[in-house]
Protein backbone atom coordinates (compact mmCIF):
# COMPACT_ATOMS: atom_id res chain seq x y z
CA MET A 1 -23.84 -45.11 -54.45
CA ALA A 2 -27.16 -43.90 -53.12
CA TYR A 3 -25.69 -43.84 -49.58
CA LYS A 4 -22.70 -41.86 -50.73
CA SER A 5 -24.84 -39.56 -52.76
CA ILE A 6 -27.10 -38.86 -49.80
CA LYS A 7 -24.09 -38.26 -47.43
CA LYS A 8 -22.49 -36.00 -49.95
CA GLY A 9 -25.71 -34.02 -50.16
CA LYS A 10 -25.80 -33.60 -46.42
CA TYR A 11 -22.12 -32.41 -46.41
CA ASN A 12 -22.94 -29.79 -49.08
CA SER A 13 -25.89 -28.58 -47.07
CA HIS A 14 -23.69 -28.01 -43.91
CA ASN A 15 -20.96 -26.41 -45.94
CA GLY A 16 -23.55 -23.95 -47.28
CA MET A 17 -24.83 -23.11 -43.80
CA ASN A 18 -21.25 -22.61 -42.52
CA LYS A 19 -20.48 -20.13 -45.28
CA PHE A 20 -23.74 -18.35 -44.56
CA TYR A 21 -22.90 -17.92 -40.80
CA PHE A 22 -19.33 -16.94 -41.55
CA ASN A 23 -20.50 -14.22 -43.90
CA LEU A 24 -23.03 -13.01 -41.37
CA LEU A 25 -20.34 -12.83 -38.69
CA ILE A 26 -18.19 -10.80 -41.08
CA ILE A 27 -21.04 -8.33 -41.74
CA VAL A 28 -21.72 -8.00 -37.95
CA LEU A 29 -18.04 -7.34 -37.24
CA ILE A 30 -17.87 -4.70 -39.91
CA ILE A 31 -21.04 -2.99 -38.60
CA LEU A 32 -19.59 -3.09 -35.03
CA PHE A 33 -16.29 -1.71 -36.26
CA LEU A 34 -17.89 1.17 -38.12
CA THR A 35 -20.23 1.91 -35.12
CA VAL A 36 -17.79 1.59 -32.22
CA LEU A 37 -14.77 3.35 -33.84
CA PRO A 38 -16.48 6.82 -33.98
CA ILE A 39 -17.71 6.48 -30.47
CA LYS A 40 -14.25 5.61 -29.26
CA MET A 41 -12.72 8.51 -31.12
CA ASN A 42 -15.29 10.81 -29.74
CA THR A 43 -14.66 9.54 -26.24
CA ARG A 44 -10.97 10.15 -26.64
CA ASN A 45 -11.66 13.71 -27.81
CA THR A 46 -13.93 14.29 -24.84
CA ILE A 47 -11.28 13.11 -22.44
CA GLN A 48 -8.70 15.31 -24.11
CA ASN A 49 -10.99 18.33 -23.74
CA LYS A 50 -11.42 17.54 -20.11
CA ASP A 51 -7.71 17.20 -19.56
CA LYS A 52 -7.37 20.77 -21.03
CA PHE A 53 -9.97 22.02 -18.58
CA SER A 54 -8.40 24.86 -16.60
CA MET A 55 -7.40 24.22 -13.08
CA ASN A 56 -8.36 27.86 -12.36
CA THR A 57 -11.99 27.29 -13.24
CA PRO A 58 -14.15 26.34 -10.23
CA LEU A 59 -16.96 23.84 -10.62
CA THR A 60 -19.57 26.14 -9.18
CA LYS A 61 -19.78 29.72 -8.17
CA ASP A 62 -20.22 29.95 -4.46
CA LYS A 63 -21.77 33.37 -4.29
CA ASN A 64 -23.81 32.55 -1.16
CA GLU A 65 -20.93 30.85 0.51
CA ASN A 66 -22.94 27.64 1.16
CA ILE A 67 -20.19 25.21 0.04
CA GLY A 68 -16.96 25.23 1.85
CA MET A 69 -14.94 22.48 0.19
CA ILE A 70 -15.43 22.69 -3.55
CA LYS A 71 -12.27 21.40 -5.30
CA ARG A 72 -11.48 21.41 -9.01
CA ILE A 73 -12.29 18.32 -11.05
CA ALA A 74 -9.80 19.19 -13.61
CA TYR A 75 -7.02 18.75 -11.08
CA GLU A 76 -8.25 15.19 -10.46
CA PHE A 77 -7.83 14.12 -14.04
CA GLU A 78 -4.04 14.53 -13.66
CA SER A 79 -3.55 14.80 -17.43
CA LYS A 80 -4.83 11.25 -18.15
CA ILE A 81 -7.84 9.22 -17.01
CA LYS A 82 -6.93 5.62 -16.78
CA ASP A 83 -9.80 4.52 -14.61
CA PRO A 84 -13.16 6.25 -14.01
CA ILE A 85 -13.13 4.94 -10.41
CA THR A 86 -10.37 7.44 -9.69
CA ILE A 87 -12.95 10.21 -10.05
CA MET A 88 -15.81 8.35 -8.38
CA SER A 89 -13.95 7.16 -5.34
CA ARG A 90 -13.21 10.75 -4.12
CA GLU A 91 -16.79 11.42 -3.18
CA LEU A 92 -18.58 8.05 -3.09
CA ILE A 93 -18.06 6.39 0.20
CA PHE A 94 -18.81 2.82 -1.03
CA PHE A 95 -15.53 2.81 -3.11
CA LYS A 96 -13.06 1.52 -0.65
CA SER A 97 -9.40 2.28 -0.58
CA GLY A 98 -6.60 -0.16 -0.45
CA ASN A 99 -6.39 -3.77 -1.60
CA ASP A 100 -9.79 -5.34 -0.95
CA LYS A 101 -10.31 -8.71 -2.47
CA ASN A 102 -13.94 -8.57 -1.98
CA ASN A 103 -14.25 -5.25 -3.76
CA LYS A 104 -13.10 -5.15 -7.39
CA ASN A 105 -13.75 -1.42 -7.56
CA CYS A 106 -11.47 -0.40 -4.82
CA THR A 107 -8.67 2.04 -5.59
CA ASP A 108 -5.05 0.94 -5.11
CA ILE A 109 -3.55 3.13 -2.44
CA LYS A 110 0.17 2.59 -2.11
CA PRO A 111 1.75 2.75 1.38
CA PHE A 112 2.56 6.28 2.34
CA VAL A 113 6.04 7.21 3.44
CA ILE A 114 6.76 10.55 5.19
CA ASN A 115 9.75 12.42 3.87
CA ASN A 116 11.59 13.76 6.80
CA ASP A 117 12.97 16.64 4.87
CA ASP A 118 9.44 18.09 4.75
CA ILE A 119 8.97 18.09 8.49
CA SER A 120 9.33 21.33 10.44
CA LYS A 121 9.64 21.01 14.23
CA ILE A 122 11.37 22.70 17.10
CA ASN A 123 14.70 21.46 18.34
CA SER A 124 13.35 19.74 21.43
CA LEU A 125 9.87 19.06 22.64
CA GLN A 126 9.83 19.34 26.38
CA ASN A 127 7.27 16.60 27.01
CA GLU A 128 8.84 13.18 27.63
CA ASN A 129 6.04 11.49 25.59
CA TYR A 130 7.12 13.71 22.70
CA ASP A 131 10.82 14.04 22.25
CA LYS A 132 11.95 10.52 23.21
CA GLU A 133 10.35 8.78 20.21
CA PHE A 134 11.03 11.40 17.56
CA SER A 135 13.99 10.65 15.33
CA LEU A 136 14.46 12.86 12.24
CA ASP A 137 17.64 14.17 10.49
CA ASP A 138 18.46 17.76 11.17
CA LYS A 139 17.83 18.65 7.47
CA GLY A 140 14.50 20.33 7.02
CA ILE A 141 13.98 21.03 10.72
CA ILE A 142 13.36 24.60 11.75
CA LYS A 143 14.66 25.26 15.20
CA THR A 144 13.53 28.00 17.53
CA SER A 145 15.96 30.88 18.03
CA LYS A 146 14.96 31.26 21.64
CA ILE A 147 15.10 28.71 24.41
CA VAL A 148 11.66 27.62 25.56
CA ASN A 149 11.02 28.50 29.20
CA LYS A 150 11.21 25.14 30.92
CA ASN A 151 9.20 26.42 33.93
CA SER A 152 6.20 27.10 31.76
CA VAL A 153 3.46 24.47 31.90
CA VAL A 154 2.62 25.29 28.26
CA SER A 155 6.17 24.71 27.24
CA LYS A 156 6.31 21.33 28.89
CA LYS A 157 3.00 19.99 27.79
CA ALA A 158 1.38 21.77 24.87
CA CYS A 159 2.00 20.72 21.32
CA ILE A 160 0.19 21.42 18.08
CA LEU A 161 0.42 19.53 14.82
CA ILE A 162 -0.09 21.46 11.49
CA TYR A 163 -0.21 19.65 8.15
CA HIS A 164 -1.82 20.08 4.70
CA SER A 165 -3.83 17.41 2.89
CA HIS A 166 -3.87 19.62 -0.19
CA THR A 167 -0.30 20.93 0.05
CA SER A 168 -0.31 22.70 -3.34
CA GLU A 169 -3.28 24.96 -2.70
CA GLY A 170 -1.92 28.39 -3.63
CA TYR A 171 -2.56 32.03 -3.57
CA ARG A 172 -2.13 34.89 -6.07
CA PRO A 173 -0.03 35.98 -7.90
CA LYS A 174 0.85 32.33 -8.36
CA ASP A 175 -1.43 29.65 -9.92
CA SER A 176 -4.26 28.17 -7.71
CA HIS A 177 -2.12 25.07 -7.27
CA THR A 178 1.56 25.53 -6.87
CA ARG A 179 4.55 23.64 -5.34
CA ASP A 180 6.18 26.91 -4.28
CA ASN A 181 5.82 26.89 -0.60
CA ASN A 182 6.24 30.63 -0.50
CA TYR A 183 2.88 30.98 -2.15
CA ASN A 184 0.75 28.06 -0.95
CA VAL A 185 -0.82 26.88 2.28
CA CYS A 186 2.63 25.79 3.57
CA LYS A 187 3.45 29.51 3.97
CA VAL A 188 0.46 29.98 6.11
CA GLY A 189 1.47 27.01 8.26
CA ASP A 190 5.00 28.32 8.51
CA ILE A 191 3.86 31.67 9.89
CA ILE A 192 1.51 30.12 12.35
CA ALA A 193 4.15 27.70 13.51
CA ASN A 194 6.95 30.32 13.87
CA GLU A 195 4.64 32.70 15.73
CA LEU A 196 3.57 30.01 18.16
CA ARG A 197 7.17 29.05 18.82
CA GLU A 198 8.82 32.45 18.96
CA LYS A 199 6.18 34.62 20.61
CA TYR A 200 4.12 32.14 22.63
CA LYS A 201 6.77 29.35 23.33
CA ILE A 202 4.27 26.59 22.14
CA ASN A 203 5.78 23.45 20.69
CA VAL A 204 4.73 22.91 17.01
CA ILE A 205 5.30 20.34 14.32
CA HIS A 206 4.56 21.62 10.84
CA ASP A 207 4.43 18.78 8.35
CA LYS A 208 4.88 20.06 4.75
CA THR A 209 4.92 16.67 3.07
CA ILE A 210 3.28 16.86 -0.36
CA HIS A 211 0.20 14.81 0.08
CA ASP A 212 -1.60 15.76 -3.09
CA LYS A 213 0.75 14.38 -5.84
CA SER A 214 -2.34 12.33 -6.53
CA TYR A 215 -5.16 14.58 -5.70
CA ILE A 216 -7.81 11.93 -4.96
CA LYS A 217 -5.37 10.15 -2.65
CA SER A 218 -4.51 13.30 -0.63
CA TYR A 219 -6.59 12.46 2.49
CA TYR A 220 -5.45 8.95 2.43
CA ASN A 221 -1.80 10.05 2.35
CA SER A 222 -2.23 12.74 5.02
CA ARG A 223 -4.17 10.28 7.15
CA GLU A 224 -1.13 7.95 7.29
CA ALA A 225 0.93 10.99 8.32
CA VAL A 226 -1.37 11.90 11.14
CA LYS A 227 -1.53 8.31 12.35
CA ASN A 228 2.26 8.09 12.53
CA TYR A 229 2.47 11.23 14.52
CA LEU A 230 -0.14 10.02 16.95
CA LYS A 231 1.73 6.82 17.24
CA LYS A 232 4.86 8.65 18.16
CA TYR A 233 3.45 11.50 20.31
CA LYS A 234 0.26 9.89 21.64
CA SER A 235 -1.72 13.09 21.40
CA PHE A 236 -1.77 16.75 20.43
CA ASP A 237 -3.63 19.76 21.83
CA ILE A 238 -4.72 20.67 18.35
CA ILE A 239 -4.27 18.97 15.01
CA ILE A 240 -4.96 21.33 12.11
CA ASP A 241 -5.33 20.54 8.46
CA ILE A 242 -4.86 23.91 6.82
CA HIS A 243 -6.50 24.43 3.30
CA ARG A 244 -7.31 27.19 0.96
CA ASP A 245 -10.92 27.37 -0.28
CA GLU A 246 -12.24 27.73 -3.81
CA ILE A 247 -13.99 31.13 -3.83
CA GLU A 248 -13.90 33.36 -6.90
CA ASP A 249 -15.79 36.26 -5.33
CA LYS A 250 -13.04 37.89 -3.25
CA ARG A 251 -15.47 39.93 -1.24
CA LEU A 252 -16.60 36.74 0.55
CA VAL A 253 -13.08 35.88 1.79
CA THR A 254 -11.40 39.28 2.32
CA GLY A 255 -11.70 41.64 5.18
CA LYS A 256 -9.81 44.26 7.31
CA VAL A 257 -8.39 43.46 10.75
CA ASN A 258 -6.27 46.05 12.65
CA GLY A 259 -5.93 48.01 9.40
CA LYS A 260 -4.59 45.03 7.44
CA SER A 261 -6.19 43.25 4.52
CA VAL A 262 -6.73 39.66 5.54
CA ALA A 263 -7.95 36.35 3.95
CA LYS A 264 -10.98 35.32 6.05
CA TYR A 265 -11.06 31.82 7.45
CA MET A 266 -13.54 29.17 8.49
CA PHE A 267 -13.61 25.72 10.04
CA VAL A 268 -14.92 22.46 8.41
CA LEU A 269 -15.99 19.39 10.26
CA ALA A 270 -17.39 16.06 9.29
CA THR A 271 -20.40 15.42 11.48
CA GLY A 272 -20.42 11.60 11.14
CA ASN A 273 -17.10 11.05 12.76
CA PRO A 274 -17.10 9.61 16.22
CA HIS A 275 -15.20 12.60 17.67
CA TYR A 276 -17.47 15.24 16.29
CA SER A 277 -18.85 16.50 19.50
CA LYS A 278 -15.40 17.12 20.96
CA ASN A 279 -14.11 18.51 17.64
CA ARG A 280 -17.07 20.83 17.67
CA ALA A 281 -16.39 21.92 21.24
CA LEU A 282 -12.80 22.85 20.25
CA VAL A 283 -13.97 24.80 17.25
CA ASN A 284 -16.53 26.62 19.30
CA LYS A 285 -13.86 27.82 21.71
CA LEU A 286 -11.60 28.93 18.86
CA ILE A 287 -14.51 30.79 17.26
CA ALA A 288 -15.22 32.65 20.57
CA ILE A 289 -11.59 33.66 20.98
CA SER A 290 -11.41 34.79 17.33
CA ASP A 291 -14.53 36.88 17.52
CA LYS A 292 -13.28 38.50 20.69
CA LEU A 293 -9.71 39.28 19.53
CA TYR A 294 -10.25 39.93 15.85
CA PRO A 295 -13.85 40.56 14.88
CA GLY A 296 -14.30 40.00 11.09
CA LEU A 297 -11.43 37.63 10.70
CA LEU A 298 -13.88 34.64 10.30
CA ARG A 299 -16.15 34.37 7.32
CA ASN A 300 -19.92 34.73 7.57
CA ILE A 301 -20.14 31.06 7.71
CA LYS A 302 -17.75 30.35 10.60
CA LEU A 303 -18.22 26.60 10.65
CA TYR A 304 -19.15 24.51 7.65
CA ASP A 305 -20.51 21.20 8.91
CA LYS A 306 -22.72 19.91 6.07
CA TYR A 307 -20.49 16.97 5.41
CA LYS A 308 -21.32 13.83 7.27
CA ARG A 309 -18.34 11.82 6.15
CA GLY A 310 -16.33 13.84 3.65
CA ILE A 311 -13.24 12.03 2.64
CA THR A 312 -12.14 9.73 5.45
CA TYR A 313 -13.88 12.20 7.79
CA PHE A 314 -11.10 14.67 6.91
CA ASN A 315 -9.02 12.54 9.39
CA GLN A 316 -11.06 13.98 12.28
CA ASP A 317 -12.01 10.56 13.46
CA LEU A 318 -8.42 10.07 14.55
CA SER A 319 -8.48 12.64 17.47
CA ASP A 320 -10.69 14.61 19.70
CA ASN A 321 -8.70 17.68 18.66
CA ALA A 322 -8.47 17.31 14.91
CA ILE A 323 -10.01 20.19 12.89
CA LEU A 324 -9.83 21.52 9.32
CA MET A 325 -9.22 25.19 8.55
CA GLU A 326 -9.87 27.01 5.23
CA VAL A 327 -7.79 30.15 5.13
CA GLY A 328 -9.02 32.46 2.35
CA GLY A 329 -9.83 31.44 -1.22
CA ASN A 330 -8.14 31.18 -4.65
CA SER A 331 -9.03 34.87 -5.12
CA ASN A 332 -6.83 35.89 -2.20
CA ASN A 333 -3.25 36.96 -2.56
CA ILE A 334 -0.40 35.57 -0.44
CA ASP A 335 0.03 38.74 1.69
CA GLU A 336 -3.63 38.52 2.82
CA ALA A 337 -3.12 34.94 3.74
CA LYS A 338 0.08 35.76 5.64
CA ASN A 339 -1.68 38.58 7.62
CA SER A 340 -4.30 36.15 8.65
CA ALA A 341 -1.82 33.50 9.73
CA ALA A 342 -0.32 35.85 12.34
CA PHE A 343 -3.71 36.53 13.84
CA ILE A 344 -4.78 32.82 13.78
CA ALA A 345 -1.47 32.05 15.71
CA LYS A 346 -2.58 34.40 18.47
CA ILE A 347 -5.94 32.69 18.61
CA LEU A 348 -4.43 29.27 18.89
CA ALA A 349 -2.07 30.54 21.56
CA GLU A 350 -4.92 32.03 23.56
CA TYR A 351 -6.73 28.72 23.48
CA ILE A 352 -3.62 26.84 24.71
CA TYR A 353 -2.92 29.26 27.50
CA ASN A 354 -6.48 29.16 28.64
CA LYS A 355 -6.28 25.32 28.60
CA TYR A 356 -3.14 25.05 30.74
CA GLU A 357 -2.88 28.19 32.86
């Protein structure tokens, strides 16, 4: 009896302790619930407010024109934020892209496929290294109306690739980001390409693939496109990624050339890329030609090279002849951008003819 009585007493003691810890756990859970819930709700509200942030509102006001590549953070939210890494990976180089087993923080970049309907090229590139490997459907291909002079060295050898990492960057009166190719950077590329083909008989491929469906993956997508073109064509005389800058003060990006109102342009290079010295040499020649032919067409800052790496070196590590060009700002209208495009085509043609003839 004494043994049973003692054992029963021990059982009652443990039972009391279990109830105590159970009650304590319940109290802790209630406190956590009451504390975390408001924070979570507040976070949700904050995200919703960020989602409503206007795409037309720049992050900073670039009055001194010291920053050449400011892009809107609101556009990066893409209506919903599922992972904060999608914002951080755009600017932080230690966030890798692709499937990296050793890096849990890498972003998942899906394989990029070029849509042939978005490619604009002339009917036949004269260089054997170019036209033999190219196979596209005729849909979406803009052909020249005049036959290229086969006796011209330029016609046989020269070729320029134009593409747009941020395809939707637009001009007024449309929104600052638009898929309407008559009002975005694709129109600038169209005019440059057509001028080079028609007037100067220079072979051009103009890729209008939409690379910025996911804004933070834009350069990764366009990078795959450029790599594919280099694989097919081996090399290009110039590879141009044409953008439109974020400048609210229109005075900084607008001028007069030959009596026409133009959207001023500038170049952007990533200094850390292994081809920087040759990229820079190409840009220097283009600047010299531009200043000679059309003084005032370039911005006060003609070359912005404060980026060491940028995003994937802006793909400039893929070629000696890869450059990035900012034509005007979001304060410019499409007519000003179109006027600039025709002048830029002449500058590019002058460079090509100086190179080959």
